[in-house]
Protein backbone atom coordinates (compact mmCIF):
# COMPACT_ATOMS: atom_id res chain seq x y z
CA UNK A 1 1.14 40.79 -20.12
CA UNK A 2 1.73 37.87 -18.00
CA UNK A 3 -0.38 36.35 -15.28
CA UNK A 4 0.40 34.87 -11.80
CA UNK A 5 -2.00 31.84 -11.53
CA UNK A 6 -1.40 31.18 -8.08
CA UNK A 7 -0.51 33.45 -5.11
CA UNK A 8 -1.32 33.62 -1.41
CA UNK A 9 -1.76 37.29 -1.00
CA UNK A 10 -3.48 36.83 2.39
CA UNK A 11 -0.26 35.62 4.05
CA UNK A 12 1.18 37.84 6.89
CA UNK A 13 4.35 38.11 4.82
CA UNK A 14 2.71 40.89 2.82
CA UNK A 15 1.04 42.81 5.69
CA UNK A 16 3.45 45.46 5.72
CA UNK A 17 3.45 46.38 1.95
CA UNK A 18 0.55 44.36 0.17
CA UNK A 19 -0.34 47.31 -1.95
CA UNK A 20 3.25 47.91 -2.95
CA UNK A 21 3.44 44.23 -3.97
CA UNK A 22 0.49 44.82 -6.35
CA UNK A 23 2.14 48.01 -7.82
CA UNK A 24 5.46 46.11 -8.46
CA UNK A 25 3.71 43.25 -10.16
CA UNK A 26 1.87 45.76 -12.47
CA UNK A 27 5.25 47.39 -13.24
CA UNK A 28 6.56 44.02 -14.26
CA UNK A 29 3.76 43.35 -16.69
CA UNK A 30 1.59 41.34 -14.51
CA UNK A 31 -1.96 41.87 -15.60
CA UNK A 32 -3.69 39.71 -13.13
CA UNK A 33 -3.30 37.75 -9.91
CA UNK A 34 -5.11 34.86 -8.72
CA UNK A 35 -4.98 34.65 -4.87
CA UNK A 36 -5.93 31.17 -3.53
CA UNK A 37 -7.50 30.35 -0.31
CA UNK A 38 -6.41 27.50 1.99
CA UNK A 39 -9.19 27.43 4.56
CA UNK A 40 -12.58 29.28 5.15
CA UNK A 41 -11.08 32.57 6.59
CA UNK A 42 -8.37 32.72 3.84
CA UNK A 43 -10.98 32.05 1.11
CA UNK A 44 -13.26 34.68 2.33
CA UNK A 45 -10.39 37.05 2.44
CA UNK A 46 -9.48 36.18 -1.12
CA UNK A 47 -13.02 37.04 -2.41
CA UNK A 48 -12.91 40.31 -0.45
CA UNK A 49 -9.58 41.34 -1.68
CA UNK A 50 -10.59 40.36 -5.15
CA UNK A 51 -13.63 42.59 -5.06
CA UNK A 52 -11.35 45.44 -4.03
CA UNK A 53 -8.94 45.16 -6.74
CA UNK A 54 -9.81 44.88 -10.36
CA UNK A 55 -6.46 42.73 -11.27
CA UNK A 56 -7.04 40.25 -8.50
CA UNK A 57 -9.25 37.20 -8.70
CA UNK A 58 -9.81 34.39 -6.06
CA UNK A 59 -9.80 30.65 -5.89
CA UNK A 60 -11.55 29.11 -2.78
CA UNK A 61 -11.10 25.83 -0.94
CA UNK A 62 -9.76 23.96 2.02
CA UNK A 63 -6.01 22.80 1.69
CA UNK A 64 -5.25 19.08 2.62
CA UNK A 65 -3.19 20.19 5.39
CA UNK A 66 -6.10 22.30 6.88
CA UNK A 67 -9.08 19.84 6.48
CA UNK A 68 -8.62 18.76 10.20
CA UNK A 69 -9.71 22.14 11.27
CA UNK A 70 -12.59 22.84 8.86
CA UNK A 71 -15.97 23.67 10.18
CA UNK A 72 -18.87 21.38 9.76
CA UNK A 73 -20.45 23.60 7.15
CA UNK A 74 -17.31 24.12 5.20
CA UNK A 75 -18.67 22.79 1.92
CA UNK A 76 -21.78 24.99 2.04
CA UNK A 77 -19.85 27.97 2.76
CA UNK A 78 -17.64 27.47 -0.29
CA UNK A 79 -20.77 27.05 -2.33
CA UNK A 80 -22.01 30.33 -1.06
CA UNK A 81 -18.59 31.97 -1.86
CA UNK A 82 -18.46 30.63 -5.30
CA UNK A 83 -21.47 32.61 -6.51
CA UNK A 84 -19.24 35.73 -6.55
CA UNK A 85 -18.13 36.02 -10.23
CA UNK A 86 -14.52 36.96 -9.11
CA UNK A 87 -14.18 33.17 -7.95
CA UNK A 88 -12.59 31.38 -10.69
CA UNK A 89 -12.38 27.88 -9.17
CA UNK A 90 -12.21 25.52 -6.24
CA UNK A 91 -8.72 25.02 -4.61
CA UNK A 92 -6.21 24.44 -3.59
CA UNK A 93 -7.60 21.00 -2.84
CA UNK A 94 -5.88 17.56 -2.84
CA UNK A 95 -3.56 15.42 -0.79
CA UNK A 96 -0.45 16.06 1.05
CA UNK A 97 1.44 13.02 2.38
CA UNK A 98 4.55 14.81 2.99
CA UNK A 99 3.64 16.59 6.12
CA UNK A 100 0.43 14.76 7.04
CA UNK A 101 -0.99 17.38 9.36
CA UNK A 102 -4.26 15.96 8.63
CA UNK A 103 -5.21 12.33 8.49
CA UNK A 104 -5.11 10.71 5.19
CA UNK A 105 -8.64 9.48 5.41
CA UNK A 106 -10.07 12.93 6.22
CA UNK A 107 -7.84 14.52 3.37
CA UNK A 108 -9.44 12.05 0.96
CA UNK A 109 -12.98 12.90 2.28
CA UNK A 110 -12.58 16.55 1.69
CA UNK A 111 -10.73 16.21 -1.54
CA UNK A 112 -13.93 14.13 -2.72
CA UNK A 113 -16.30 16.64 -1.25
CA UNK A 114 -14.62 19.61 -2.84
CA UNK A 115 -14.30 17.75 -6.35
CA UNK A 116 -18.02 17.09 -6.32
CA UNK A 117 -18.86 20.75 -5.38
CA UNK A 118 -16.64 22.06 -8.33
CA UNK A 119 -18.47 19.56 -10.74
CA UNK A 120 -21.74 20.66 -9.34
CA UNK A 121 -20.95 24.35 -9.75
CA UNK A 122 -19.30 23.89 -13.25
CA UNK A 123 -15.96 25.27 -11.89
CA UNK A 124 -12.32 24.16 -12.43
CA UNK A 125 -10.18 22.73 -9.61
CA UNK A 126 -6.70 23.59 -8.39
CA UNK A 127 -5.00 20.40 -7.21
CA UNK A 128 -2.24 20.23 -4.57
CA UNK A 129 -0.48 16.76 -4.75
CA UNK A 130 2.64 16.31 -2.50
CA UNK A 131 3.96 12.79 -2.12
CA UNK A 132 0.51 11.40 -2.99
CA UNK A 133 0.67 11.02 -6.75
CA UNK A 134 -0.90 7.46 -6.90
CA UNK A 135 -4.09 8.41 -4.52
CA UNK A 136 -4.38 11.81 -6.39
CA UNK A 137 -4.49 10.29 -9.89
CA UNK A 138 -6.84 7.38 -8.69
CA UNK A 139 -9.31 10.06 -7.12
CA UNK A 140 -9.10 12.36 -10.22
CA UNK A 141 -9.81 9.46 -12.56
CA UNK A 142 -12.44 8.09 -10.59
CA UNK A 143 -14.32 11.48 -10.28
CA UNK A 144 -13.77 12.34 -13.86
CA UNK A 145 -12.49 15.53 -12.26
CA UNK A 146 -11.09 16.94 -15.55
CA UNK A 147 -14.57 17.46 -17.03
CA UNK A 148 -14.74 21.09 -15.73
CA UNK A 149 -11.06 21.49 -16.18
CA UNK A 150 -8.48 22.39 -13.73
CA UNK A 151 -4.68 22.88 -12.90
CA UNK A 152 -2.17 20.62 -11.35
CA UNK A 153 -0.53 23.48 -9.37
CA UNK A 154 3.39 23.69 -8.73
CA UNK A 155 3.67 20.38 -10.62
CA UNK A 156 6.13 17.80 -9.08
CA UNK A 157 5.11 14.51 -10.67
CA UNK A 158 6.56 12.79 -13.73
CA UNK A 159 6.30 13.39 -17.43
CA UNK A 160 4.05 10.30 -17.70
CA UNK A 161 1.73 11.63 -14.96
CA UNK A 162 1.53 15.09 -16.69
CA UNK A 163 0.61 13.62 -19.82
CA UNK A 164 -2.23 11.58 -18.16
CA UNK A 165 -3.37 14.72 -16.52
CA UNK A 166 -3.72 16.47 -19.71
CA UNK A 167 -5.61 13.67 -21.27
CA UNK A 168 -8.04 14.19 -18.36
CA UNK A 169 -8.49 17.91 -19.19
CA UNK A 170 -5.91 19.49 -16.82
CA UNK A 171 -3.48 22.23 -17.18
CA UNK A 172 0.02 21.73 -15.79
CA UNK A 173 1.58 24.78 -13.75
CA UNK A 174 5.23 25.48 -12.98
CA UNK A 175 6.44 27.61 -10.23
CA UNK A 176 9.72 28.88 -9.05
CA UNK A 177 11.41 25.51 -8.86
CA UNK A 178 11.45 25.68 -12.69
CA UNK A 179 14.17 28.19 -12.43
CA UNK A 180 16.46 26.00 -9.81
CA UNK A 181 19.72 24.97 -11.38
CA UNK A 182 19.40 21.38 -10.47
CA UNK A 183 15.65 21.09 -11.21
CA UNK A 184 16.20 18.63 -14.10
CA UNK A 185 12.89 16.75 -14.06
CA UNK A 186 10.72 20.00 -14.12
CA UNK A 187 12.64 21.46 -16.86
CA UNK A 188 12.46 18.33 -18.97
CA UNK A 189 8.57 18.23 -18.40
CA UNK A 190 8.19 21.96 -19.30
CA UNK A 191 10.11 21.48 -22.52
CA UNK A 192 8.17 18.40 -23.51
CA UNK A 193 4.51 19.12 -22.88
CA UNK A 194 2.26 21.02 -25.39
CA UNK A 195 2.36 24.72 -25.17
CA UNK A 196 -1.40 24.89 -25.06
CA UNK A 197 -1.53 23.13 -21.54
CA UNK A 198 1.13 24.99 -19.65
CA UNK A 199 0.67 27.74 -16.96
CA UNK A 200 2.88 29.67 -14.65
CA UNK A 201 2.59 30.73 -10.93
CA UNK A 202 4.54 31.81 -8.18
CA UNK A 203 2.88 30.35 -5.08
CA UNK A 204 4.04 33.39 -3.22
CA UNK A 205 5.27 34.05 -0.58
CA UNK A 206 6.77 30.55 -1.04
CA UNK A 207 9.37 29.10 -3.67
CA UNK A 208 10.96 32.31 -4.89
CA UNK A 209 12.69 31.71 -8.29
CA UNK A 210 16.27 32.18 -8.98
CA UNK A 211 17.77 34.88 -8.43
CA UNK A 212 15.64 35.43 -5.27
CA UNK A 213 15.49 31.85 -3.88
CA UNK A 214 15.42 31.83 -0.15
CA UNK A 215 13.64 35.26 -0.13
CA UNK A 216 10.01 36.22 0.12
CA UNK A 217 8.36 35.53 -3.18
CA UNK A 218 5.82 37.94 -4.79
CA UNK A 219 3.69 38.04 -8.14
CA UNK A 220 6.22 40.32 -9.83
CA UNK A 221 8.75 37.46 -10.03
CA UNK A 222 6.64 35.34 -12.14
CA UNK A 223 8.41 36.85 -15.05
CA UNK A 224 11.37 34.90 -14.29
CA UNK A 225 9.45 31.63 -14.58
CA UNK A 226 8.14 32.82 -17.96
CA UNK A 227 11.70 33.51 -18.99
CA UNK A 228 12.89 30.12 -18.01
CA UNK A 229 9.85 28.41 -19.73
CA UNK A 230 10.69 30.43 -22.97
CA UNK A 231 14.48 29.41 -22.72
CA UNK A 232 13.43 25.76 -22.25
CA UNK A 233 11.13 25.85 -25.26
CA UNK A 234 13.32 27.83 -27.37
CA UNK A 235 10.85 30.69 -27.82
CA UNK A 236 10.88 34.41 -27.06
CA UNK A 237 9.65 35.70 -23.75
CA UNK A 238 6.86 37.33 -25.54
CA UNK A 239 5.62 34.12 -27.12
CA UNK A 240 5.85 32.39 -23.70
CA UNK A 241 3.92 35.22 -22.18
CA UNK A 242 1.30 35.10 -24.94
CA UNK A 243 0.56 31.51 -24.68
CA UNK A 244 0.56 31.10 -20.77
CA UNK A 245 -2.04 34.08 -20.75
CA UNK A 246 -4.25 32.40 -23.47
CA UNK A 247 -3.99 29.10 -21.34
CA UNK A 248 -5.00 31.00 -18.39
CA UNK A 249 -7.98 32.35 -19.88
CA UNK A 250 -9.03 28.99 -21.32
CA UNK A 251 -8.53 27.42 -17.91
CA UNK A 252 -10.69 29.78 -16.25
CA UNK A 253 -13.36 30.70 -18.91
CA UNK A 254 -15.94 32.27 -19.06
CA UNK A 255 -15.23 34.06 -15.57
CA UNK A 256 -11.86 35.28 -16.66
CA UNK A 257 -11.28 37.65 -19.74
CA UNK A 258 -8.30 39.55 -20.28
CA UNK A 259 -6.92 41.82 -23.10
CA UNK A 260 -3.69 40.92 -24.53
């Protein structure tokens, strides 16, 4: 069994065939999919969809690009949603200085509020960090954000940053770019880190792995990321599938339990 630890099944890209997408994932050996919210509506959708599908779990949160449009009661609404046992964590949250669709100060404000909510609830956090490594690390360290665990999603930092995050209690997750031919740094990092801190994801419908690069991504394609991780580490596909699933259960314990 393999697990897609980060998907966006709410996206309109899946409106025409969402149930078929789940079926293809199952046929590819994907035993669980974690669908991730980016604002209040998508977080509410994630919880509803997870309730309707045994193999689907939810992450809830306000993405840094979306914080400018968040309602005043956003944190309270997230707290209410988090009581559902199919909610595994708070995310994706963080900082995005690439697009800066929301002001940096507001991004930081919501990042801090959601980190503190996760700490209060005892839930792990799923971190979005794009072109904001310094501020992201400063906030994570100051807030001791790794105490309840968490994931650096679609990791794009350096090997040194990854090791610092692991020391804080985080897992490092790799998506489709790990399979890209010229992705030298992610490949080196994935090969160098301890296997007990590695996860895989699709971030679908974005970032489809080779050989589907440029097409719509979907959870079934997570197996290509597992294959590349296994190749980089010199282990079998079965070994890479085993340790990434075990790591997923450890990252989201006690709410996630899978039979492997």
